[in-house]
N, C-alpha and C. Protein backbone atom coordinates (compact mmCIF):
# COMPACT_ATOMS: atom_id res chain seq x y z
N MET A 1 122.82 79.85 81.30
CA MET A 1 122.25 79.50 79.97
C MET A 1 121.35 80.65 79.51
N PRO A 2 121.23 80.80 78.26
CA PRO A 2 120.45 81.97 77.75
C PRO A 2 119.00 81.71 78.04
N SER A 3 118.25 82.83 78.25
CA SER A 3 116.81 82.65 78.61
C SER A 3 116.08 82.65 77.27
N GLY A 4 116.52 83.39 76.20
CA GLY A 4 115.91 83.32 75.01
C GLY A 4 116.31 82.01 74.15
N ASN A 5 115.65 81.85 72.96
CA ASN A 5 115.89 80.58 72.31
C ASN A 5 116.72 81.01 70.99
N PRO A 6 118.05 80.57 70.91
CA PRO A 6 118.82 80.96 69.78
C PRO A 6 118.33 80.28 68.57
N ALA A 7 117.67 79.17 68.63
CA ALA A 7 117.08 78.48 67.47
C ALA A 7 115.99 79.39 66.76
N ASP A 8 115.43 80.34 67.48
CA ASP A 8 114.44 81.12 66.79
C ASP A 8 114.72 82.36 66.29
N ILE A 9 116.04 82.58 66.20
CA ILE A 9 116.56 83.99 65.81
C ILE A 9 116.50 84.00 64.21
N GLU A 10 116.04 85.25 63.83
CA GLU A 10 115.91 85.47 62.33
C GLU A 10 116.73 86.76 62.02
N LEU A 11 116.84 87.56 62.98
CA LEU A 11 117.56 88.97 62.79
C LEU A 11 118.59 89.16 63.70
N LEU A 12 119.82 89.58 63.28
CA LEU A 12 120.83 89.83 64.11
C LEU A 12 121.11 91.38 64.08
N VAL A 13 121.10 91.92 65.21
CA VAL A 13 121.33 93.37 65.36
C VAL A 13 122.69 93.73 66.06
N LEU A 14 123.44 94.43 65.41
CA LEU A 14 124.93 94.68 65.84
C LEU A 14 125.10 96.16 66.09
N ASP A 15 125.79 96.45 67.19
CA ASP A 15 126.32 97.77 67.42
C ASP A 15 127.74 97.64 66.75
N VAL A 16 128.41 98.79 66.55
CA VAL A 16 129.71 98.90 65.87
C VAL A 16 130.80 99.07 66.90
N ASP A 17 130.89 100.31 67.48
CA ASP A 17 131.91 100.64 68.46
C ASP A 17 131.93 99.54 69.69
N GLY A 18 133.00 98.79 69.80
CA GLY A 18 132.92 97.83 70.81
C GLY A 18 132.41 96.46 70.57
N VAL A 19 131.63 96.27 69.50
CA VAL A 19 131.09 94.98 69.05
C VAL A 19 131.68 94.45 67.76
N MET A 20 131.59 95.25 66.67
CA MET A 20 132.15 94.99 65.46
C MET A 20 133.63 95.42 65.36
N THR A 21 133.96 96.38 66.31
CA THR A 21 135.33 96.78 66.49
C THR A 21 135.75 96.64 67.97
N ALA A 22 136.91 96.69 68.09
CA ALA A 22 137.47 96.67 69.64
C ALA A 22 136.97 97.93 70.38
N GLY A 23 136.40 98.87 69.87
CA GLY A 23 136.01 100.18 70.49
C GLY A 23 136.95 101.29 70.38
N ASP A 24 138.07 101.06 69.63
CA ASP A 24 139.05 102.29 69.41
C ASP A 24 138.50 103.18 68.40
N VAL A 25 138.65 104.39 68.64
CA VAL A 25 138.19 105.44 67.65
C VAL A 25 139.49 106.02 67.10
N ILE A 26 139.72 105.74 65.79
CA ILE A 26 140.95 106.18 65.08
C ILE A 26 140.65 107.45 64.14
N LEU A 27 141.19 108.62 64.66
CA LEU A 27 141.04 109.79 63.84
C LEU A 27 142.42 110.23 63.20
N ASP A 28 142.25 110.49 61.93
CA ASP A 28 143.43 111.13 61.28
C ASP A 28 143.56 112.50 61.47
N GLU A 29 144.57 113.23 61.09
CA GLU A 29 144.85 114.65 61.28
C GLU A 29 143.76 115.58 60.55
N THR A 30 142.97 114.99 59.76
CA THR A 30 141.74 115.79 59.17
C THR A 30 140.49 115.58 59.87
N GLY A 31 140.59 114.74 60.98
CA GLY A 31 139.33 114.40 61.70
C GLY A 31 138.59 113.22 61.11
N ARG A 32 139.13 112.52 60.18
CA ARG A 32 138.33 111.45 59.49
C ARG A 32 138.43 110.12 60.42
N LEU A 33 137.29 109.51 60.54
CA LEU A 33 137.21 108.40 61.49
C LEU A 33 137.48 107.18 60.58
N SER A 34 138.28 106.18 61.15
CA SER A 34 138.47 104.93 60.50
C SER A 34 138.26 103.81 61.60
N TYR A 35 138.16 102.59 61.03
CA TYR A 35 137.83 101.43 61.96
C TYR A 35 138.68 100.31 61.50
N HIS A 36 138.88 99.52 62.47
CA HIS A 36 139.52 98.19 62.29
C HIS A 36 138.57 97.05 62.46
N PHE A 37 138.14 96.42 61.32
CA PHE A 37 137.19 95.24 61.46
C PHE A 37 137.82 93.87 61.45
N ASN A 38 137.20 93.00 62.20
CA ASN A 38 137.79 91.54 62.20
C ASN A 38 137.22 90.83 61.03
N VAL A 39 138.13 90.13 60.24
CA VAL A 39 137.74 89.40 58.98
C VAL A 39 136.87 88.14 59.46
N GLN A 40 137.13 87.50 60.59
CA GLN A 40 136.28 86.37 60.83
C GLN A 40 134.96 86.74 61.36
N ASP A 41 134.72 87.95 61.94
CA ASP A 41 133.45 88.40 62.14
C ASP A 41 132.77 88.60 60.90
N GLY A 42 133.33 89.21 59.99
CA GLY A 42 132.71 89.39 58.59
C GLY A 42 132.34 88.22 57.93
N ALA A 43 133.17 87.16 58.03
CA ALA A 43 132.92 85.96 57.39
C ALA A 43 131.75 85.31 58.09
N GLY A 44 131.51 85.53 59.44
CA GLY A 44 130.49 85.03 60.20
C GLY A 44 129.13 85.67 59.75
N VAL A 45 129.16 86.92 59.46
CA VAL A 45 128.01 87.60 58.99
C VAL A 45 127.57 87.10 57.63
N LYS A 46 128.58 86.91 56.87
CA LYS A 46 128.23 86.29 55.47
C LYS A 46 127.57 84.84 55.63
N TYR A 47 128.13 84.07 56.58
CA TYR A 47 127.49 82.64 56.79
C TYR A 47 126.17 82.77 57.23
N TRP A 48 125.93 83.73 58.18
CA TRP A 48 124.56 83.99 58.67
C TRP A 48 123.62 84.39 57.62
N ARG A 49 124.05 85.29 56.69
CA ARG A 49 123.22 85.70 55.58
C ARG A 49 122.85 84.61 54.62
N ARG A 50 124.00 83.83 54.38
CA ARG A 50 123.98 82.67 53.45
C ARG A 50 122.87 81.66 53.87
N ASN A 51 122.78 81.63 55.27
CA ASN A 51 121.76 80.67 55.71
C ASN A 51 120.46 81.17 56.11
N GLY A 52 120.10 82.31 55.44
CA GLY A 52 118.80 82.94 55.56
C GLY A 52 118.52 83.97 56.65
N GLY A 53 119.70 84.34 57.37
CA GLY A 53 119.48 85.33 58.53
C GLY A 53 119.61 86.74 57.95
N LYS A 54 118.92 87.65 58.57
CA LYS A 54 119.11 89.11 58.34
C LYS A 54 119.87 89.75 59.30
N VAL A 55 120.62 90.84 58.90
CA VAL A 55 121.45 91.61 59.74
C VAL A 55 121.25 93.05 59.70
N ALA A 56 121.25 93.68 60.82
CA ALA A 56 121.10 95.15 61.02
C ALA A 56 122.27 95.63 61.82
N ILE A 57 122.74 96.83 61.44
CA ILE A 57 123.69 97.56 62.20
C ILE A 57 122.97 98.87 62.79
N ILE A 58 123.06 99.12 64.00
CA ILE A 58 122.51 100.24 64.65
C ILE A 58 123.61 100.87 65.59
N THR A 59 124.11 102.08 65.13
CA THR A 59 125.16 102.71 65.73
C THR A 59 124.81 104.10 65.95
N GLY A 60 125.46 104.73 67.00
CA GLY A 60 125.30 106.12 67.34
C GLY A 60 126.17 107.00 66.64
N ARG A 61 127.22 106.58 65.96
CA ARG A 61 128.08 107.39 65.09
C ARG A 61 127.71 107.30 63.73
N GLU A 62 128.40 108.13 62.84
CA GLU A 62 128.11 108.06 61.45
C GLU A 62 129.52 107.98 60.82
N SER A 63 129.75 107.02 59.94
CA SER A 63 130.95 106.91 59.27
C SER A 63 130.91 106.17 57.87
N GLN A 64 131.60 106.71 56.95
CA GLN A 64 131.61 106.12 55.63
C GLN A 64 132.08 104.63 55.73
N ALA A 65 133.14 104.43 56.66
CA ALA A 65 133.68 103.20 56.74
C ALA A 65 132.64 102.16 57.27
N VAL A 66 131.81 102.46 58.11
CA VAL A 66 130.67 101.55 58.47
C VAL A 66 129.76 101.28 57.35
N GLN A 67 129.45 102.29 56.55
CA GLN A 67 128.60 102.08 55.41
C GLN A 67 129.25 101.11 54.39
N LEU A 68 130.55 101.32 54.13
CA LEU A 68 131.25 100.46 53.23
C LEU A 68 131.44 98.97 53.75
N ARG A 69 131.64 98.83 55.10
CA ARG A 69 131.74 97.49 55.56
C ARG A 69 130.39 96.79 55.49
N ALA A 70 129.30 97.57 55.82
CA ALA A 70 127.98 96.90 55.67
C ALA A 70 127.67 96.49 54.25
N GLU A 71 128.12 97.35 53.31
CA GLU A 71 127.84 96.94 51.94
C GLU A 71 128.67 95.74 51.52
N MET A 72 129.84 95.59 52.05
CA MET A 72 130.70 94.38 51.77
C MET A 72 130.20 93.15 52.29
N LEU A 73 129.52 93.25 53.42
CA LEU A 73 128.98 92.10 54.19
C LEU A 73 127.53 91.80 53.65
N GLY A 74 126.78 92.68 52.88
CA GLY A 74 125.53 92.44 52.63
C GLY A 74 124.42 92.66 53.75
N VAL A 75 124.89 93.62 54.57
CA VAL A 75 123.91 93.97 55.70
C VAL A 75 122.71 94.55 55.24
N ASP A 76 121.54 94.08 55.79
CA ASP A 76 120.24 94.36 55.17
C ASP A 76 119.81 95.74 55.59
N PHE A 77 120.06 96.16 56.90
CA PHE A 77 119.56 97.44 57.38
C PHE A 77 120.74 98.18 58.13
N VAL A 78 120.89 99.44 57.78
CA VAL A 78 121.95 100.19 58.49
C VAL A 78 121.40 101.51 58.94
N TYR A 79 121.62 101.69 60.29
CA TYR A 79 121.15 102.99 60.98
C TYR A 79 122.25 103.59 61.74
N GLN A 80 122.80 104.64 61.23
CA GLN A 80 123.83 105.49 61.68
C GLN A 80 123.27 106.70 62.36
N LYS A 81 124.02 107.27 63.26
CA LYS A 81 123.56 108.55 64.04
C LYS A 81 122.25 108.25 64.77
N ALA A 82 122.11 106.92 65.22
CA ALA A 82 120.98 106.55 66.08
C ALA A 82 121.23 106.71 67.42
N LEU A 83 120.90 107.98 67.88
CA LEU A 83 121.04 108.35 69.25
C LEU A 83 120.22 107.72 70.31
N ARG A 84 119.02 107.37 69.80
CA ARG A 84 118.01 106.60 70.47
C ARG A 84 117.95 105.24 69.62
N LYS A 85 118.68 104.31 69.98
CA LYS A 85 118.66 103.05 69.25
C LYS A 85 117.37 102.23 69.22
N ILE A 86 116.56 102.52 70.21
CA ILE A 86 115.21 101.88 70.27
C ILE A 86 114.33 102.32 69.12
N ASP A 87 114.48 103.62 68.76
CA ASP A 87 113.67 104.09 67.60
C ASP A 87 114.16 103.38 66.37
N ALA A 88 115.41 103.40 66.05
CA ALA A 88 115.95 102.65 64.95
C ALA A 88 115.49 101.21 64.93
N TYR A 89 115.62 100.64 66.15
CA TYR A 89 115.15 99.19 66.21
C TYR A 89 113.74 98.96 65.78
N ARG A 90 112.87 99.72 66.39
CA ARG A 90 111.44 99.67 66.04
C ARG A 90 111.16 99.73 64.53
N ASP A 91 112.01 100.65 63.85
CA ASP A 91 111.69 100.83 62.45
C ASP A 91 112.27 99.52 61.81
N CYS A 92 113.37 99.15 62.26
CA CYS A 92 114.01 97.85 61.67
C CYS A 92 113.04 96.68 61.83
N LEU A 93 112.39 96.47 62.95
CA LEU A 93 111.53 95.39 63.10
C LEU A 93 110.37 95.38 61.99
N THR A 94 109.87 96.63 61.77
CA THR A 94 108.90 96.77 60.87
C THR A 94 109.33 96.48 59.40
N LYS A 95 110.48 96.96 58.95
CA LYS A 95 111.03 96.80 57.75
C LYS A 95 111.43 95.32 57.46
N ALA A 96 111.97 94.64 58.52
CA ALA A 96 112.41 93.41 58.46
C ALA A 96 111.26 92.29 58.61
N ASN A 97 110.14 92.86 59.13
CA ASN A 97 108.96 92.01 59.25
C ASN A 97 109.28 90.81 60.23
N VAL A 98 109.98 91.23 61.37
CA VAL A 98 110.43 90.25 62.41
C VAL A 98 109.90 90.65 63.76
N LYS A 99 109.55 89.66 64.56
CA LYS A 99 109.06 90.00 65.92
C LYS A 99 110.27 90.09 66.91
N PRO A 100 110.19 90.90 67.94
CA PRO A 100 111.32 91.07 68.87
C PRO A 100 111.84 89.72 69.40
N GLU A 101 111.03 88.77 69.62
CA GLU A 101 111.50 87.56 70.13
C GLU A 101 112.45 86.73 69.19
N ASN A 102 112.36 87.25 67.91
CA ASN A 102 113.20 86.57 66.91
C ASN A 102 114.43 87.26 66.50
N VAL A 103 114.84 88.16 67.48
CA VAL A 103 115.96 89.04 67.30
C VAL A 103 117.06 88.73 68.38
N CYS A 104 118.22 88.68 67.81
CA CYS A 104 119.54 88.73 68.70
C CYS A 104 120.23 89.97 68.62
N CYS A 105 120.43 90.65 69.78
CA CYS A 105 121.13 91.87 69.77
C CYS A 105 122.46 91.76 70.51
N ILE A 106 123.51 92.24 69.79
CA ILE A 106 124.87 92.24 70.43
C ILE A 106 125.29 93.60 70.77
N GLY A 107 125.59 93.75 72.01
CA GLY A 107 125.95 95.15 72.54
C GLY A 107 126.99 95.09 73.56
N ASP A 108 127.50 96.28 73.90
CA ASP A 108 128.65 96.51 74.86
C ASP A 108 128.51 97.56 75.81
N ASP A 109 127.67 98.48 75.61
CA ASP A 109 127.50 99.73 76.46
C ASP A 109 126.11 100.14 76.58
N LEU A 110 125.84 101.06 77.46
CA LEU A 110 124.48 101.52 77.95
C LEU A 110 123.60 101.81 76.81
N PRO A 111 123.94 102.55 75.78
CA PRO A 111 123.00 102.84 74.73
C PRO A 111 122.40 101.65 73.98
N ASP A 112 123.03 100.31 74.18
CA ASP A 112 122.56 99.20 73.62
C ASP A 112 121.53 98.63 74.45
N LEU A 113 121.39 98.80 75.62
CA LEU A 113 120.48 98.18 76.58
C LEU A 113 118.96 98.25 76.13
N PRO A 114 118.41 99.46 75.63
CA PRO A 114 117.05 99.38 75.17
C PRO A 114 116.77 98.30 74.20
N VAL A 115 117.62 98.14 73.13
CA VAL A 115 117.40 97.05 72.23
C VAL A 115 117.62 95.79 72.86
N MET A 116 118.58 95.50 73.62
CA MET A 116 118.90 94.32 74.37
C MET A 116 117.75 93.80 75.10
N LEU A 117 117.11 94.77 75.76
CA LEU A 117 116.01 94.49 76.71
C LEU A 117 114.58 94.20 75.97
N ASN A 118 114.68 94.51 74.66
CA ASN A 118 113.42 94.31 73.81
C ASN A 118 113.74 93.32 72.72
N CYS A 119 114.59 92.32 72.90
CA CYS A 119 114.79 91.30 71.96
C CYS A 119 114.85 89.93 72.48
N GLY A 120 114.78 88.95 71.72
CA GLY A 120 114.64 87.53 72.19
C GLY A 120 115.90 86.92 72.81
N PHE A 121 117.05 87.40 72.37
CA PHE A 121 118.34 86.80 72.81
C PHE A 121 119.29 88.02 72.80
N ALA A 122 119.61 88.43 74.06
CA ALA A 122 120.38 89.59 74.33
C ALA A 122 121.86 89.01 74.58
N VAL A 123 122.85 89.62 73.86
CA VAL A 123 124.28 89.12 73.95
C VAL A 123 125.12 90.33 74.28
N ALA A 124 126.00 90.22 75.27
CA ALA A 124 127.06 91.12 75.59
C ALA A 124 128.40 90.59 75.25
N VAL A 125 129.27 91.40 74.74
CA VAL A 125 130.60 90.88 74.32
C VAL A 125 131.42 90.97 75.56
N ALA A 126 132.54 90.20 75.62
CA ALA A 126 133.31 90.03 76.77
C ALA A 126 133.81 91.34 77.36
N ASN A 127 134.05 92.33 76.43
CA ASN A 127 134.59 93.67 76.88
C ASN A 127 133.43 94.63 77.19
N ALA A 128 132.24 94.11 77.37
CA ALA A 128 131.06 94.97 77.66
C ALA A 128 131.18 95.53 79.09
N VAL A 129 130.57 96.68 79.36
CA VAL A 129 130.47 97.27 80.76
C VAL A 129 129.62 96.21 81.54
N ARG A 130 129.90 96.21 82.79
CA ARG A 130 129.20 95.34 83.81
C ARG A 130 127.72 95.36 83.70
N GLU A 131 127.25 96.67 83.52
CA GLU A 131 125.73 96.87 83.52
C GLU A 131 125.07 96.17 82.32
N VAL A 132 125.75 96.08 81.17
CA VAL A 132 125.28 95.44 80.12
C VAL A 132 125.36 93.87 80.20
N LYS A 133 126.42 93.37 80.87
CA LYS A 133 126.56 91.93 81.12
C LYS A 133 125.38 91.46 81.92
N VAL A 134 125.01 92.25 82.90
CA VAL A 134 123.96 91.83 83.89
C VAL A 134 122.62 91.43 83.11
N TYR A 135 122.39 92.26 82.10
CA TYR A 135 121.13 92.05 81.36
C TYR A 135 121.23 91.02 80.16
N ALA A 136 122.41 90.59 79.89
CA ALA A 136 122.58 89.73 78.77
C ALA A 136 122.18 88.24 79.02
N ASP A 137 121.56 87.57 78.04
CA ASP A 137 121.26 86.17 78.13
C ASP A 137 122.62 85.26 77.97
N TYR A 138 123.54 85.93 77.17
CA TYR A 138 124.86 85.34 76.99
C TYR A 138 126.00 86.39 76.84
N VAL A 139 127.07 85.94 77.49
CA VAL A 139 128.30 86.93 77.41
C VAL A 139 129.25 86.06 76.56
N THR A 140 129.91 86.64 75.53
CA THR A 140 130.81 86.03 74.78
C THR A 140 132.18 85.79 75.43
N ARG A 141 132.88 84.88 74.93
CA ARG A 141 134.18 84.57 75.47
C ARG A 141 135.23 85.58 74.71
N ALA A 142 134.93 85.93 73.42
CA ALA A 142 135.70 86.81 72.63
C ALA A 142 135.28 88.23 72.87
N ALA A 143 136.29 89.17 72.90
CA ALA A 143 136.09 90.57 72.80
C ALA A 143 135.44 91.13 71.57
N GLY A 144 134.72 92.27 71.60
CA GLY A 144 134.28 92.90 70.48
C GLY A 144 135.43 93.25 69.54
N GLY A 145 135.19 93.16 68.31
CA GLY A 145 136.37 93.33 67.31
C GLY A 145 137.33 92.29 67.27
N ASP A 146 137.11 91.24 68.02
CA ASP A 146 138.09 90.03 68.14
C ASP A 146 137.34 88.71 68.13
N GLY A 147 136.30 88.64 67.21
CA GLY A 147 135.70 87.42 67.13
C GLY A 147 134.34 87.21 67.79
N ALA A 148 133.89 88.08 68.50
CA ALA A 148 132.59 87.98 69.34
C ALA A 148 131.44 87.87 68.40
N VAL A 149 131.31 88.65 67.40
CA VAL A 149 130.21 88.49 66.43
C VAL A 149 130.22 87.11 65.80
N ARG A 150 131.52 86.65 65.42
CA ARG A 150 131.57 85.20 64.78
C ARG A 150 131.14 84.19 65.90
N GLU A 151 131.43 84.27 67.15
CA GLU A 151 131.08 83.43 68.06
C GLU A 151 129.65 83.35 68.19
N VAL A 152 128.97 84.44 68.26
CA VAL A 152 127.54 84.49 68.39
C VAL A 152 126.83 83.77 67.10
N ILE A 153 127.38 84.09 66.04
CA ILE A 153 126.78 83.53 64.81
C ILE A 153 126.90 82.01 64.78
N GLU A 154 128.05 81.48 65.24
CA GLU A 154 128.26 80.15 65.25
C GLU A 154 127.27 79.42 66.28
N LEU A 155 127.13 80.13 67.42
CA LEU A 155 126.06 79.59 68.49
C LEU A 155 124.76 79.54 67.89
N LEU A 156 124.28 80.54 67.14
CA LEU A 156 122.93 80.72 66.46
C LEU A 156 122.86 79.56 65.50
N LEU A 157 123.76 79.47 64.58
CA LEU A 157 123.72 78.43 63.42
C LEU A 157 123.69 76.94 64.04
N ARG A 158 124.52 76.76 65.15
CA ARG A 158 124.53 75.42 65.73
C ARG A 158 123.15 75.18 66.39
N ALA A 159 122.55 76.18 67.05
CA ALA A 159 121.24 75.93 67.59
C ALA A 159 120.20 75.75 66.54
N GLN A 160 120.46 76.24 65.41
CA GLN A 160 119.32 76.10 64.35
C GLN A 160 119.71 74.89 63.53
N GLY A 161 120.78 74.09 63.86
CA GLY A 161 121.09 72.96 63.11
C GLY A 161 121.77 73.13 61.72
N LYS A 162 122.28 74.28 61.59
CA LYS A 162 122.71 74.81 60.21
C LYS A 162 124.35 74.68 60.15
N TRP A 163 124.95 74.59 61.27
CA TRP A 163 126.43 74.76 61.33
C TRP A 163 127.07 73.68 60.59
N ASP A 164 126.70 72.27 60.91
CA ASP A 164 127.35 71.17 60.21
C ASP A 164 127.28 71.21 58.65
N ASN A 165 126.12 71.67 58.20
CA ASN A 165 126.00 71.65 56.74
C ASN A 165 126.84 72.81 56.09
N LEU A 166 127.13 73.95 56.83
CA LEU A 166 127.94 74.96 56.43
C LEU A 166 129.25 74.31 56.36
N ILE A 167 129.80 73.67 57.39
CA ILE A 167 131.18 73.10 57.48
C ILE A 167 131.29 72.08 56.33
N SER A 168 130.31 71.19 56.15
CA SER A 168 130.33 70.22 55.08
C SER A 168 130.52 70.85 53.78
N GLY A 169 130.03 72.06 53.53
CA GLY A 169 130.17 72.72 52.12
C GLY A 169 131.68 73.03 51.86
N TYR A 170 132.43 73.08 52.92
CA TYR A 170 133.77 73.30 52.73
C TYR A 170 134.70 72.06 52.83
N THR A 171 134.31 71.16 53.68
CA THR A 171 135.10 69.92 53.81
C THR A 171 134.85 68.95 52.66
N ASN A 172 133.82 68.97 52.06
CA ASN A 172 133.40 68.11 50.88
C ASN A 172 133.94 68.43 49.61
N GLN A 173 134.62 69.50 49.57
CA GLN A 173 135.36 69.95 48.34
C GLN A 173 136.55 69.11 47.95
N LYS A 174 136.59 68.21 46.97
CA LYS A 174 137.73 67.46 46.70
C LYS A 174 138.15 67.72 45.17
N ILE A 175 139.41 67.45 45.07
CA ILE A 175 139.92 67.35 43.69
C ILE A 175 140.42 65.91 43.36
N GLU A 176 140.39 65.54 42.24
CA GLU A 176 140.99 64.27 41.76
C GLU A 176 142.36 64.54 41.48
N LEU A 177 143.28 63.78 42.11
CA LEU A 177 144.69 63.80 41.82
C LEU A 177 145.00 62.54 40.81
N THR A 178 145.58 62.99 39.80
CA THR A 178 145.90 62.08 38.66
C THR A 178 147.30 62.23 38.21
N GLY A 179 147.83 61.25 37.50
CA GLY A 179 149.18 61.42 37.01
C GLY A 179 150.18 60.29 37.55
N ASP A 180 151.34 60.25 36.88
CA ASP A 180 152.22 59.34 37.28
C ASP A 180 153.10 59.84 38.46
N LYS A 181 153.64 58.96 39.18
CA LYS A 181 154.47 59.30 40.35
C LYS A 181 155.85 59.21 39.92
């Protein structure tokens, strides 16, 4: 069981390579980097934001694709080329006006550990390196880029009592069928 309390989370901090993506680096012949993002992870980010949650991306690489995806999802804070993720995280906490104990960080590799060790609920994706899993409060069933972000968001929203209302917003949409048979 997690040692942090998922019900207290206000800010979700995401790595990109290996968390929002499967960790593949795709370069074209010009050296341009591209990514493959999971749409259910993206929907989860939108559900989180719709329910009052804040989102930050902290990644060591820089890519226009990441910036575009963040804009599509309404991500609040984006830090690229963050070689020392803890510095970006410190800045993010100040800008978001959130305490570390109210943060969930999802990571997969060693550069994510400083943030994971300084948040309230640390998550490792299923494909994370062993050393990261050791320090995680929760390890996802899904791999990074394959629904891990969505899995964590569902866990957080359930812990906060918001998931059922989200589902009801979709299942309660009805149309009246009229006409002769």
